Amino acid sequence: MAQRVAGKAEAARGVDDSAMAELELPNPRRLLLISIAAIVLLGLSVVIAAAYSILSIDETAISAETERAKVALEVVLRDGQPDGAAAARLADDFVLVGARFGDAASARPGEVSLPVPRSQTQLLWTPRRIGTELAQRLAPIRLLASALFLSGIGIVLNRLYRLTRLLEVRRRAAQELAARDALTGLANRLGFDRQLTGSARGPALLYLDLDGFKHVNDSFGHGAGDDLLRIVAARLATLARDGDCVARIGGDEFAFLRSPPTSRAELAELAADIALALNEPVRLGATQVQIGASIGIAMGDEHEDRTRLVAAADAALYRAKALPGHAFVFADSSRIASAA
């Protein structure tokens, strides 16, 4: 039976691992942070692209206006000198904003200069930056579009975050439900195996098999047997402390995993308490029945391998069941202790 129990535990672990892999979901907080980072990077790329486009349009416009200024300067200076009148004509007739003559050192911020042929002076004016002007005119529309876009992204992220959290909660609930025995509410074989695998070093294991359960099932029906199992589960649960795991392995077999630290004397006392609790009469409808339990005990510090711990407790249980009455047996001892 030890091999069968170990085999089923390994199979259950494999099924559980597969289910975990299929149900694995990203952490909601991490997903939200990654999404925000992606949006920030997208926004930065859009801003950089827009700034580059504005700069390119400005440079193209200034280059075209400079070429026009060269032609205009040739036309104006053909009949005059680089003076105030010529500058005014350049500003009015050729749309060179703020056109004036001066040296390069007198250029104001934003102005460009063009050397005047056959002269030491420079033509200075403020060129139109079409890309910047267009961006300023479209700024309200751009801001509104950005606000709408960010609002939509925020709504999507919020719903995605809430959905991911809901799925995470449901996944954990499904895992918890899968590890629970539907009849008794105790851990089932899967939950027991999970607890055993994740337990600290040195847990002790008590394997229990109910004495007289088959008689109750045969005499009073499976409904009465189910009621009896629920009562047994409730009594065992009252003896558990924080960190312990009480599980229904199958049928009328139960496992009691006692977390460390523990001792041989404490486990013997726990086995006696279990026997005392299960020996109390049980009322099933109008009938009162009395059962007991055979218990096999394996010390965790003597079986570091979890599979061997289960096999040792199972072998001790079979030795206890072979004795008349109710007994508990330690896996490493040939001595038998009465549990009645």
C-alpha atoms as a PDB file:
ATOM      1  CA  MET A   1       0.000   0.000   0.000  1.00  0.00           C
ATOM      2  CA  ALA A   2       2.954   2.298   0.700  1.00  0.00           C
ATOM      3  CA  GLN A   3       3.949   2.169  -2.966  1.00  0.00           C
ATOM      4  CA  ARG A   4       0.366   2.792  -4.029  1.00  0.00           C
ATOM      5  CA  VAL A   5       0.057   5.830  -1.741  1.00  0.00           C
ATOM      6  CA  ALA A   6       3.398   7.213  -2.864  1.00  0.00           C
ATOM      7  CA  GLY A   7       2.499   6.615  -6.508  1.00  0.00           C
ATOM      8  CA  LYS A   8      -0.822   8.373  -6.164  1.00  0.00           C
ATOM      9  CA  ALA A   9       0.841  11.255  -4.350  1.00  0.00           C
ATOM     10  CA  GLU A  10       3.358  11.643  -7.161  1.00  0.00           C
ATOM     11  CA  ALA A  11       0.589  11.459  -9.773  1.00  0.00           C
ATOM     12  CA  ALA A  12      -1.436  14.055  -7.893  1.00  0.00           C
ATOM     13  CA  ARG A  13       1.611  16.286  -7.709  1.00  0.00           C
ATOM     14  CA  GLY A  14       2.096  15.948 -11.455  1.00  0.00           C
ATOM     15  CA  VAL A  15      -1.526  16.848 -12.170  1.00  0.00           C
ATOM     16  CA  ASP A  16      -1.290  19.768  -9.788  1.00  0.00           C
ATOM     17  CA  ASP A  17       1.889  21.066 -11.397  1.00  0.00           C
ATOM     18  CA  SER A  18       0.276  20.854 -14.854  1.00  0.00           C
ATOM     19  CA  ALA A  19      -2.791  22.688 -13.631  1.00  0.00           C
ATOM     20  CA  MET A  20      -0.634  25.349 -12.004  1.00  0.00           C
ATOM     21  CA  ALA A  21       1.286  25.834 -15.252  1.00  0.00           C
ATOM     22  CA  GLU A  22      -1.945  26.243 -17.206  1.00  0.00           C
ATOM     23  CA  LEU A  23      -3.500  28.595 -14.658  1.00  0.00           C
ATOM     24  CA  GLU A  24      -0.391  30.688 -14.028  1.00  0.00           C
ATOM     25  CA  LEU A  25      -1.264  34.355 -14.386  1.00  0.00           C
ATOM     26  CA  PRO A  26       0.930  37.457 -14.296  1.00  0.00           C
ATOM     27  CA  ASN A  27       1.050  39.391 -11.068  1.00  0.00           C
ATOM     28  CA  PRO A  28      -1.579  42.176 -11.359  1.00  0.00           C
ATOM     29  CA  ARG A  29       0.676  44.872  -9.902  1.00  0.00           C
ATOM     30  CA  ARG A  30       3.572  43.858 -12.111  1.00  0.00           C
ATOM     31  CA  LEU A  31       1.312  43.806 -15.165  1.00  0.00           C
ATOM     32  CA  LEU A  32       0.066  47.308 -14.337  1.00  0.00           C
ATOM     33  CA  LEU A  33       3.610  48.651 -13.921  1.00  0.00           C
ATOM     34  CA  ILE A  34       4.740  47.068 -17.191  1.00  0.00           C
ATOM     35  CA  SER A  35       1.720  48.555 -18.995  1.00  0.00           C
ATOM     36  CA  ILE A  36       2.384  52.023 -17.574  1.00  0.00           C
ATOM     37  CA  ALA A  37       6.064  51.778 -18.545  1.00  0.00           C
ATOM     38  CA  ALA A  38       5.072  50.751 -22.080  1.00  0.00           C
ATOM     39  CA  ILE A  39       2.682  53.700 -22.362  1.00  0.00           C
ATOM     40  CA  VAL A  40       5.343  56.106 -21.065  1.00  0.00           C
ATOM     41  CA  LEU A  41       7.837  54.802 -23.631  1.00  0.00           C
ATOM     42  CA  LEU A  42       5.204  55.108 -26.358  1.00  0.00           C
ATOM     43  CA  GLY A  43       4.440  58.668 -25.274  1.00  0.00           C
ATOM     44  CA  LEU A  44       8.120  59.581 -25.247  1.00  0.00           C
ATOM     45  CA  SER A  45       8.590  58.159 -28.724  1.00  0.00           C
ATOM     46  CA  VAL A  46       5.613  60.179 -29.996  1.00  0.00           C
ATOM     47  CA  VAL A  47       6.920  63.380 -28.356  1.00  0.00           C
ATOM     48  CA  ILE A  48      10.423  62.832 -29.754  1.00  0.00           C
ATOM     49  CA  ALA A  49       9.031  62.126 -33.232  1.00  0.00           C
ATOM     50  CA  ALA A  50       6.838  65.238 -33.075  1.00  0.00           C
ATOM     51  CA  ALA A  51       9.758  67.398 -31.906  1.00  0.00           C
ATOM     52  CA  TYR A  52      11.933  66.062 -34.707  1.00  0.00           C
ATOM     53  CA  SER A  53       9.187  66.787 -37.254  1.00  0.00           C
ATOM     54  CA  ILE A  54       8.741  70.351 -35.972  1.00  0.00           C
ATOM     55  CA  LEU A  55      12.503  70.947 -36.106  1.00  0.00           C
ATOM     56  CA  SER A  56      12.708  69.573 -39.643  1.00  0.00           C
ATOM     57  CA  ILE A  57       9.826  71.762 -40.864  1.00  0.00           C
ATOM     58  CA  ASP A  58      11.404  74.830 -39.206  1.00  0.00           C
ATOM     59  CA  GLU A  59      14.786  74.175 -40.812  1.00  0.00           C
ATOM     60  CA  THR A  60      13.183  73.663 -44.231  1.00  0.00           C
ATOM     61  CA  ALA A  61      11.174  76.892 -43.896  1.00  0.00           C
ATOM     62  CA  ILE A  62      14.237  78.919 -42.782  1.00  0.00           C
ATOM     63  CA  SER A  63      16.311  77.510 -45.647  1.00  0.00           C
ATOM     64  CA  ALA A  64      13.602  78.460 -48.184  1.00  0.00           C
ATOM     65  CA  GLU A  65      13.221  81.939 -46.661  1.00  0.00           C
ATOM     66  CA  THR A  66      17.002  82.468 -46.768  1.00  0.00           C
ATOM     67  CA  GLU A  67      17.048  81.683 -50.482  1.00  0.00           C
ATOM     68  CA  ARG A  68      14.188  84.134 -50.994  1.00  0.00           C
ATOM     69  CA  ALA A  69      16.060  86.751 -48.963  1.00  0.00           C
ATOM     70  CA  LYS A  70      19.086  86.451 -51.261  1.00  0.00           C
ATOM     71  CA  VAL A  71      16.939  87.181 -54.298  1.00  0.00           C
ATOM     72  CA  ALA A  72      15.144  90.026 -52.504  1.00  0.00           C
ATOM     73  CA  LEU A  73      18.441  91.548 -51.397  1.00  0.00           C
ATOM     74  CA  GLU A  74      19.751  91.589 -54.997  1.00  0.00           C
ATOM     75  CA  VAL A  75      16.563  93.307 -56.178  1.00  0.00           C
ATOM     76  CA  VAL A  76      16.511  95.962 -53.418  1.00  0.00           C
ATOM     77  CA  LEU A  77      20.206  96.836 -53.533  1.00  0.00           C
ATOM     78  CA  ARG A  78      20.193  97.197 -57.348  1.00  0.00           C
ATOM     79  CA  ASP A  79      18.714 100.661 -56.930  1.00  0.00           C
ATOM     80  CA  GLY A  80      19.860 101.626 -53.433  1.00  0.00           C
ATOM     81  CA  GLN A  81      22.076 101.137 -50.418  1.00  0.00           C
ATOM     82  CA  PRO A  82      21.666  98.866 -47.355  1.00  0.00           C
ATOM     83  CA  ASP A  83      19.881 101.449 -45.277  1.00  0.00           C
ATOM     84  CA  GLY A  84      16.629 101.787 -43.356  1.00  0.00           C
ATOM     85  CA  ALA A  85      14.510 102.297 -46.472  1.00  0.00           C
ATOM     86  CA  ALA A  86      15.906  99.147 -48.041  1.00  0.00           C
ATOM     87  CA  ALA A  87      15.254  97.232 -44.854  1.00  0.00           C
ATOM     88  CA  ALA A  88      11.650  98.478 -44.717  1.00  0.00           C
ATOM     89  CA  ARG A  89      11.097  97.424 -48.339  1.00  0.00           C
ATOM     90  CA  LEU A  90      12.500  93.967 -47.564  1.00  0.00           C
ATOM     91  CA  ALA A  91      10.135  93.678 -44.627  1.00  0.00           C
ATOM     92  CA  ASP A  92       7.046  94.905 -46.486  1.00  0.00           C
ATOM     93  CA  ASP A  93       7.474  93.663 -50.035  1.00  0.00           C
ATOM     94  CA  PHE A  94       9.331  90.427 -49.403  1.00  0.00           C
ATOM     95  CA  VAL A  95       7.876  89.521 -46.001  1.00  0.00           C
ATOM     96  CA  LEU A  96      11.138  89.364 -44.111  1.00  0.00           C
ATOM     97  CA  VAL A  97       9.917  89.991 -40.552  1.00  0.00           C
ATOM     98  CA  GLY A  98      11.941  92.610 -38.679  1.00  0.00           C
ATOM     99  CA  ALA A  99      14.421  93.064 -41.543  1.00  0.00           C
ATOM    100  CA  ARG A 100      17.325  95.397 -40.709  1.00  0.00           C
ATOM    101  CA  PHE A 101      20.979  95.909 -41.486  1.00  0.00           C
ATOM    102  CA  GLY A 102      23.750  95.562 -38.941  1.00  0.00           C
ATOM    103  CA  ASP A 103      26.778  93.516 -37.985  1.00  0.00           C
ATOM    104  CA  ALA A 104      26.603  89.860 -36.989  1.00  0.00           C
ATOM    105  CA  ALA A 105      27.351  90.690 -33.360  1.00  0.00           C
ATOM    106  CA  SER A 106      24.113  92.668 -33.075  1.00  0.00           C
ATOM    107  CA  ALA A 107      21.925  89.697 -34.015  1.00  0.00           C
ATOM    108  CA  ARG A 108      19.083  89.098 -31.552  1.00  0.00           C
ATOM    109  CA  PRO A 109      18.006  85.641 -30.358  1.00  0.00           C
ATOM    110  CA  GLY A 110      16.020  83.884 -33.079  1.00  0.00           C
ATOM    111  CA  GLU A 111      17.319  86.085 -35.896  1.00  0.00           C
ATOM    112  CA  VAL A 112      19.302  84.827 -38.877  1.00  0.00           C
ATOM    113  CA  SER A 113      21.857  86.785 -40.881  1.00  0.00           C
ATOM    114  CA  LEU A 114      22.786  87.033 -44.519  1.00  0.00           C
ATOM    115  CA  PRO A 115      25.941  88.783 -45.779  1.00  0.00           C
ATOM    116  CA  VAL A 116      25.213  91.852 -47.945  1.00  0.00           C
ATOM    117  CA  PRO A 117      27.191  91.696 -51.223  1.00  0.00           C
ATOM    118  CA  ARG A 118      29.974  94.299 -51.541  1.00  0.00           C
ATOM    119  CA  SER A 119      29.420  95.447 -47.963  1.00  0.00           C
ATOM    120  CA  GLN A 120      30.626  94.716 -44.403  1.00  0.00           C
ATOM    121  CA  THR A 121      27.109  94.698 -43.073  1.00  0.00           C
ATOM    122  CA  GLN A 122      24.618  91.853 -42.616  1.00  0.00           C
ATOM    123  CA  LEU A 123      20.921  91.511 -43.368  1.00  0.00           C
ATOM    124  CA  LEU A 124      19.209  90.433 -40.147  1.00  0.00           C
ATOM    125  CA  TRP A 125      15.592  89.271 -39.799  1.00  0.00           C
ATOM    126  CA  THR A 126      13.399  86.871 -37.801  1.00  0.00           C
ATOM    127  CA  PRO A 127      12.420  83.954 -40.029  1.00  0.00           C
ATOM    128  CA  ARG A 128       9.069  82.216 -39.776  1.00  0.00           C
ATOM    129  CA  ARG A 129       9.274  78.866 -38.062  1.00  0.00           C
ATOM    130  CA  ILE A 130       6.282  77.198 -39.681  1.00  0.00           C
ATOM    131  CA  GLY A 131       6.600  73.928 -37.782  1.00  0.00           C
ATOM    132  CA  THR A 132       6.601  75.711 -34.421  1.00  0.00           C
ATOM    133  CA  GLU A 133       3.705  77.958 -35.426  1.00  0.00           C
ATOM    134  CA  LEU A 134       1.682  74.986 -36.581  1.00  0.00           C
ATOM    135  CA  ALA A 135       2.395  73.106 -33.348  1.00  0.00           C
ATOM    136  CA  GLN A 136       1.288  76.124 -31.301  1.00  0.00           C
ATOM    137  CA  ARG A 137      -1.939  76.457 -33.249  1.00  0.00           C
ATOM    138  CA  LEU A 138      -2.692  72.779 -32.907  1.00  0.00           C
ATOM    139  CA  ALA A 139      -1.666  72.621 -29.232  1.00  0.00           C
ATOM    140  CA  PRO A 140      -5.247  72.744 -27.820  1.00  0.00           C
ATOM    141  CA  ILE A 141      -6.398  69.995 -30.179  1.00  0.00           C
ATOM    142  CA  ARG A 142      -3.287  67.963 -29.400  1.00  0.00           C
ATOM    143  CA  LEU A 143      -3.789  68.349 -25.667  1.00  0.00           C
ATOM    144  CA  LEU A 144      -7.443  67.336 -25.943  1.00  0.00           C
ATOM    145  CA  ALA A 145      -6.563  64.288 -28.068  1.00  0.00           C
ATOM    146  CA  SER A 146      -3.810  63.336 -25.613  1.00  0.00           C
ATOM    147  CA  ALA A 147      -6.195  63.659 -22.681  1.00  0.00           C
ATOM    148  CA  LEU A 148      -8.793  61.483 -24.388  1.00  0.00           C
ATOM    149  CA  PHE A 149      -6.157  58.927 -25.350  1.00  0.00           C
ATOM    150  CA  LEU A 150      -4.703  58.758 -21.850  1.00  0.00           C
ATOM    151  CA  SER A 151      -8.174  58.533 -20.330  1.00  0.00           C
ATOM    152  CA  GLY A 152      -9.019  55.610 -22.594  1.00  0.00           C
ATOM    153  CA  ILE A 153      -5.731  53.896 -21.776  1.00  0.00           C
ATOM    154  CA  GLY A 154      -6.352  54.477 -18.076  1.00  0.00           C
ATOM    155  CA  ILE A 155      -9.799  52.889 -18.297  1.00  0.00           C
ATOM    156  CA  VAL A 156      -8.411  49.890 -20.184  1.00  0.00           C
ATOM    157  CA  LEU A 157      -5.556  49.475 -17.693  1.00  0.00           C
ATOM    158  CA  ASN A 158      -7.927  49.729 -14.752  1.00  0.00           C
ATOM    159  CA  ARG A 159     -10.225  47.069 -16.179  1.00  0.00           C
ATOM    160  CA  LEU A 160      -7.283  44.873 -17.097  1.00  0.00           C
ATOM    161  CA  TYR A 161      -5.861  45.219 -13.597  1.00  0.00           C
ATOM    162  CA  ARG A 162      -9.199  44.388 -11.967  1.00  0.00           C
ATOM    163  CA  LEU A 163      -9.752  41.458 -14.315  1.00  0.00           C
ATOM    164  CA  THR A 164      -6.299  40.066 -13.590  1.00  0.00           C
ATOM    165  CA  ARG A 165      -6.853  40.383  -9.845  1.00  0.00           C
ATOM    166  CA  LEU A 166     -10.230  38.671 -10.157  1.00  0.00           C
ATOM    167  CA  LEU A 167      -8.678  35.829 -12.140  1.00  0.00           C
ATOM    168  CA  GLU A 168      -5.911  35.528  -9.549  1.00  0.00           C
ATOM    169  CA  VAL A 169      -8.452  35.327  -6.721  1.00  0.00           C
ATOM    170  CA  ARG A 170     -10.480  32.716  -8.594  1.00  0.00           C
ATOM    171  CA  ARG A 171      -7.353  30.725  -9.414  1.00  0.00           C
ATOM    172  CA  ARG A 172      -6.355  30.611  -5.761  1.00  0.00           C
ATOM    173  CA  ALA A 173      -9.899  29.695  -4.762  1.00  0.00           C
ATOM    174  CA  ALA A 174      -9.881  26.882  -7.333  1.00  0.00           C
ATOM    175  CA  GLN A 175      -6.555  25.632  -6.013  1.00  0.00           C
ATOM    176  CA  GLU A 176      -7.865  25.728  -2.462  1.00  0.00           C
ATOM    177  CA  LEU A 177     -11.034  23.920  -3.495  1.00  0.00           C
ATOM    178  CA  ALA A 178      -9.053  21.275  -5.386  1.00  0.00           C
ATOM    179  CA  ALA A 179      -7.017  20.577  -2.254  1.00  0.00           C
ATOM    180  CA  ARG A 180     -10.090  20.128  -0.016  1.00  0.00           C
ATOM    181  CA  ASP A 181     -12.120  17.006   0.604  1.00  0.00           C
ATOM    182  CA  ALA A 182     -15.694  17.789  -0.419  1.00  0.00           C
ATOM    183  CA  LEU A 183     -17.234  15.559   2.253  1.00  0.00           C
ATOM    184  CA  THR A 184     -15.296  16.511   5.389  1.00  0.00           C
ATOM    185  CA  GLY A 185     -13.767  19.872   4.553  1.00  0.00           C
ATOM    186  CA  LEU A 186     -10.326  18.561   5.493  1.00  0.00           C
ATOM    187  CA  ALA A 187      -7.394  18.548   3.106  1.00  0.00           C
ATOM    188  CA  ASN A 188      -7.602  15.764   0.522  1.00  0.00           C
ATOM    189  CA  ARG A 189      -4.718  13.696  -0.809  1.00  0.00           C
ATOM    190  CA  LEU A 190      -3.603  16.549  -3.052  1.00  0.00           C
ATOM    191  CA  GLY A 191      -3.722  19.067  -0.200  1.00  0.00           C
ATOM    192  CA  PHE A 192      -1.887  16.664   2.097  1.00  0.00           C
ATOM    193  CA  ASP A 193       0.825  16.038  -0.485  1.00  0.00           C
ATOM    194  CA  ARG A 194       1.193  19.785  -1.068  1.00  0.00           C
ATOM    195  CA  GLN A 195       1.473  20.441   2.673  1.00  0.00           C
ATOM    196  CA  LEU A 196       3.937  17.593   3.125  1.00  0.00           C
ATOM    197  CA  THR A 197       6.121  18.824   0.268  1.00  0.00           C
ATOM    198  CA  GLY A 198       6.182  22.389   1.533  1.00  0.00           C
ATOM    199  CA  SER A 199       6.523  21.613   5.239  1.00  0.00           C
ATOM    200  CA  ALA A 200       9.599  22.433   7.274  1.00  0.00           C
ATOM    201  CA  ARG A 201      12.191  19.780   8.040  1.00  0.00           C
ATOM    202  CA  GLY A 202      11.167  17.129  10.522  1.00  0.00           C
ATOM    203  CA  PRO A 203       7.324  16.886  10.419  1.00  0.00           C
ATOM    204  CA  ALA A 204       5.818  13.825  12.047  1.00  0.00           C
ATOM    205  CA  LEU A 205       3.098  11.798  10.372  1.00  0.00           C
ATOM    206  CA  LEU A 206       0.265   9.847  11.945  1.00  0.00           C
ATOM    207  CA  TYR A 207      -1.718   7.555   9.652  1.00  0.00           C
ATOM    208  CA  LEU A 208      -5.192   6.587  10.902  1.00  0.00           C
ATOM    209  CA  ASP A 209      -7.592   3.905   9.808  1.00  0.00           C
ATOM    210  CA  LEU A 210     -11.045   3.782  11.417  1.00  0.00           C
ATOM    211  CA  ASP A 211     -11.987   0.525  13.131  1.00  0.00           C
ATOM    212  CA  GLY A 212     -15.650  -0.377  12.700  1.00  0.00           C
ATOM    213  CA  PHE A 213     -16.404   1.976   9.836  1.00  0.00           C
ATOM    214  CA  LYS A 214     -17.287  -0.831   7.406  1.00  0.00           C
ATOM    215  CA  HIS A 215     -19.830  -2.157   9.881  1.00  0.00           C
ATOM    216  CA  VAL A 216     -21.510   1.270  10.076  1.00  0.00           C
ATOM    217  CA  ASN A 217     -21.613   1.531   6.287  1.00  0.00           C
ATOM    218  CA  ASP A 218     -23.017  -1.962   5.845  1.00  0.00           C
ATOM    219  CA  SER A 219     -25.537  -1.700   8.675  1.00  0.00           C
ATOM    220  CA  PHE A 220     -26.822   1.854   8.355  1.00  0.00           C
ATOM    221  CA  GLY A 221     -25.986   2.857   4.764  1.00  0.00           C
ATOM    222  CA  HIS A 222     -23.538   5.171   3.104  1.00  0.00           C
ATOM    223  CA  GLY A 223     -25.370   8.266   4.314  1.00  0.00           C
ATOM    224  CA  ALA A 224     -24.664   7.286   7.908  1.00  0.00           C
ATOM    225  CA  GLY A 225     -21.075   6.504   6.924  1.00  0.00           C
ATOM    226  CA  ASP A 226     -20.686   9.983   5.449  1.00  0.00           C
ATOM    227  CA  ASP A 227     -22.101  11.535   8.635  1.00  0.00           C
ATOM    228  CA  LEU A 228     -19.635   9.498  10.677  1.00  0.00           C
ATOM    229  CA  LEU A 229     -16.703  10.673   8.533  1.00  0.00           C
ATOM    230  CA  ARG A 230     -17.733  14.287   9.027  1.00  0.00           C
ATOM    231  CA  ILE A 231     -17.896  13.817  12.802  1.00  0.00           C
ATOM    232  CA  VAL A 232     -14.490  12.130  12.835  1.00  0.00           C
ATOM    233  CA  ALA A 233     -13.038  14.962  10.761  1.00  0.00           C
ATOM    234  CA  ALA A 234     -14.410  17.571  13.172  1.00  0.00           C
ATOM    235  CA  ARG A 235     -12.926  15.756  16.173  1.00  0.00           C
ATOM    236  CA  LEU A 236      -9.532  15.430  14.523  1.00  0.00           C
ATOM    237  CA  ALA A 237      -9.537  19.095  13.535  1.00  0.00           C
ATOM    238  CA  THR A 238      -9.949  20.131  17.185  1.00  0.00           C
ATOM    239  CA  LEU A 239      -6.652  18.402  18.026  1.00  0.00           C
ATOM    240  CA  ALA A 240      -4.648  20.237  15.348  1.00  0.00           C
ATOM    241  CA  ARG A 241      -2.448  23.194  16.194  1.00  0.00           C
ATOM    242  CA  ASP A 242      -1.155  25.965  13.937  1.00  0.00           C
ATOM    243  CA  GLY A 243       0.963  24.474  11.158  1.00  0.00           C
ATOM    244  CA  ASP A 244      -0.594  21.006  11.392  1.00  0.00           C
ATOM    245  CA  CYS A 245      -2.448  19.378   8.514  1.00  0.00           C
ATOM    246  CA  VAL A 246      -5.337  16.974   8.956  1.00  0.00           C
ATOM    247  CA  ALA A 247      -6.334  15.213   5.747  1.00  0.00           C
ATOM    248  CA  ARG A 248      -8.708  12.543   4.562  1.00  0.00           C
ATOM    249  CA  ILE A 249      -6.555  10.354   2.358  1.00  0.00           C
ATOM    250  CA  GLY A 250      -9.406   8.229   1.076  1.00  0.00           C
ATOM    251  CA  GLY A 251     -12.255   6.105   2.360  1.00  0.00           C
ATOM    252  CA  ASP A 252     -11.868   5.888   6.120  1.00  0.00           C
ATOM    253  CA  GLU A 253      -8.132   6.682   6.106  1.00  0.00           C
ATOM    254  CA  PHE A 254      -6.888   9.919   7.596  1.00  0.00           C
ATOM    255  CA  ALA A 255      -3.482  11.544   7.956  1.00  0.00           C
ATOM    256  CA  PHE A 256      -2.367  13.878  10.737  1.00  0.00           C
ATOM    257  CA  LEU A 257       0.783  15.840   9.896  1.00  0.00           C
ATOM    258  CA  ARG A 258       2.270  17.375  13.041  1.00  0.00           C
ATOM    259  CA  SER A 259       4.590  20.309  12.364  1.00  0.00           C
ATOM    260  CA  PRO A 260       7.946  20.484  14.171  1.00  0.00           C
ATOM    261  CA  PRO A 261       9.191  20.778  16.796  1.00  0.00           C
ATOM    262  CA  THR A 262       7.790  17.599  18.265  1.00  0.00           C
ATOM    263  CA  SER A 263       8.912  14.595  20.280  1.00  0.00           C
ATOM    264  CA  ARG A 264       8.142  10.922  20.647  1.00  0.00           C
ATOM    265  CA  ALA A 265       6.328  11.517  23.936  1.00  0.00           C
ATOM    266  CA  GLU A 266       4.217  14.305  22.407  1.00  0.00           C
ATOM    267  CA  LEU A 267       3.250  12.104  19.457  1.00  0.00           C
ATOM    268  CA  ALA A 268       2.294   9.257  21.781  1.00  0.00           C
ATOM    269  CA  GLU A 269       0.116  11.677  23.745  1.00  0.00           C
ATOM    270  CA  LEU A 270      -1.428  12.964  20.506  1.00  0.00           C
ATOM    271  CA  ALA A 271      -2.195   9.390  19.382  1.00  0.00           C
ATOM    272  CA  ALA A 272      -3.836   8.709  22.740  1.00  0.00           C
ATOM    273  CA  ASP A 273      -5.896  11.926  22.451  1.00  0.00           C
ATOM    274  CA  ILE A 274      -6.998  10.935  18.948  1.00  0.00           C
ATOM    275  CA  ALA A 275      -8.003   7.496  20.149  1.00  0.00           C
ATOM    276  CA  LEU A 276      -9.888   8.984  23.101  1.00  0.00           C
ATOM    277  CA  ALA A 277     -11.720  11.460  20.850  1.00  0.00           C
ATOM    278  CA  LEU A 278     -12.716   8.796  18.332  1.00  0.00           C
ATOM    279  CA  ASN A 279     -13.787   6.314  21.015  1.00  0.00           C
ATOM    280  CA  GLU A 280     -16.514   8.655  22.185  1.00  0.00           C
ATOM    281  CA  PRO A 281     -19.930   7.369  21.062  1.00  0.00           C
ATOM    282  CA  VAL A 282     -21.384   8.853  17.901  1.00  0.00           C
ATOM    283  CA  ARG A 283     -25.124   9.341  17.442  1.00  0.00           C
ATOM    284  CA  LEU A 284     -26.371   8.637  13.929  1.00  0.00           C
ATOM    285  CA  GLY A 285     -30.067   9.426  13.884  1.00  0.00           C
ATOM    286  CA  ALA A 286     -31.694   7.266  16.518  1.00  0.00           C
ATOM    287  CA  THR A 287     -28.700   4.957  16.758  1.00  0.00           C
ATOM    288  CA  GLN A 288     -25.539   5.342  18.777  1.00  0.00           C
ATOM    289  CA  VAL A 289     -22.365   3.724  17.515  1.00  0.00           C
ATOM    290  CA  GLN A 290     -18.805   3.517  18.764  1.00  0.00           C
ATOM    291  CA  ILE A 291     -15.688   3.217  16.668  1.00  0.00           C
ATOM    292  CA  GLY A 292     -11.961   3.455  17.189  1.00  0.00           C
ATOM    293  CA  ALA A 293      -8.808   3.877  15.171  1.00  0.00           C
ATOM    294  CA  SER A 294      -5.511   2.165  14.464  1.00  0.00           C
ATOM    295  CA  ILE A 295      -2.612   4.591  14.169  1.00  0.00           C
ATOM    296  CA  GLY A 296       0.812   4.352  12.558  1.00  0.00           C
ATOM    297  CA  ILE A 297       3.385   6.984  13.524  1.00  0.00           C
ATOM    298  CA  ALA A 298       6.567   8.003  11.693  1.00  0.00           C
ATOM    299  CA  MET A 299       9.036  10.555  13.065  1.00  0.00           C
ATOM    300  CA  GLY A 300      10.039  13.176  10.521  1.00  0.00           C
ATOM    301  CA  ASP A 301      13.595  13.624  11.808  1.00  0.00           C
ATOM    302  CA  GLU A 302      14.184   9.941  11.116  1.00  0.00           C
ATOM    303  CA  HIS A 303      12.833  10.097   7.531  1.00  0.00           C
ATOM    304  CA  GLU A 304      14.066  13.186   5.705  1.00  0.00           C
ATOM    305  CA  ASP A 305      12.676  11.846   2.423  1.00  0.00           C
ATOM    306  CA  ARG A 306       8.942  12.580   2.313  1.00  0.00           C
ATOM    307  CA  THR A 307       8.120   9.407   0.367  1.00  0.00           C
ATOM    308  CA  ARG A 308       9.867   7.247   2.959  1.00  0.00           C
ATOM    309  CA  LEU A 309       8.051   9.092   5.736  1.00  0.00           C
ATOM    310  CA  VAL A 310       4.696   8.183   4.167  1.00  0.00           C
ATOM    311  CA  ALA A 311       5.786   4.583   3.581  1.00  0.00           C
ATOM    312  CA  ALA A 312       7.006   4.225   7.173  1.00  0.00           C
ATOM    313  CA  ALA A 313       3.743   5.579   8.636  1.00  0.00           C
ATOM    314  CA  ASP A 314       1.736   3.336   6.312  1.00  0.00           C
ATOM    315  CA  ALA A 315       3.734   0.240   7.338  1.00  0.00           C
ATOM    316  CA  ALA A 316       3.298   1.118  11.016  1.00  0.00           C
ATOM    317  CA  LEU A 317      -0.457   1.496  10.462  1.00  0.00           C
ATOM    318  CA  TYR A 318      -0.674  -2.004   9.002  1.00  0.00           C
ATOM    319  CA  ARG A 319       1.190  -3.387  11.982  1.00  0.00           C
ATOM    320  CA  ALA A 320      -1.273  -1.634  14.292  1.00  0.00           C
ATOM    321  CA  LYS A 321      -4.282  -2.946  12.350  1.00  0.00           C
ATOM    322  CA  ALA A 322      -2.992  -6.508  12.697  1.00  0.00           C
ATOM    323  CA  LEU A 323      -3.392  -6.286  16.471  1.00  0.00           C
ATOM    324  CA  PRO A 324      -6.627  -6.900  18.368  1.00  0.00           C
ATOM    325  CA  GLY A 325      -8.341  -3.762  19.650  1.00  0.00           C
ATOM    326  CA  HIS A 326      -7.106  -0.244  18.948  1.00  0.00           C
ATOM    327  CA  ALA A 327      -3.367   0.444  18.982  1.00  0.00           C
ATOM    328  CA  PHE A 328      -0.762   2.912  17.810  1.00  0.00           C
ATOM    329  CA  VAL A 329       2.641   1.825  16.580  1.00  0.00           C
ATOM    330  CA  PHE A 330       5.821   3.800  15.946  1.00  0.00           C
ATOM    331  CA  ALA A 331       7.476   2.900  12.656  1.00  0.00           C
ATOM    332  CA  ASP A 332      10.877   2.375  14.242  1.00  0.00           C
ATOM    333  CA  SER A 333       9.709   0.300  17.190  1.00  0.00           C
ATOM    334  CA  SER A 334       8.518  -3.261  17.624  1.00  0.00           C
ATOM    335  CA  ARG A 335       6.679  -2.273  20.790  1.00  0.00           C
ATOM    336  CA  ILE A 336       2.939  -1.874  20.579  1.00  0.00           C
ATOM    337  CA  ALA A 337       1.063   0.719  22.608  1.00  0.00           C
ATOM    338  CA  SER A 338      -2.623   0.383  23.382  1.00  0.00           C
ATOM    339  CA  ALA A 339      -4.764   3.239  22.109  1.00  0.00           C
ATOM    340  CA  ALA A 340      -7.886   2.105  23.942  1.00  0.00           C
END
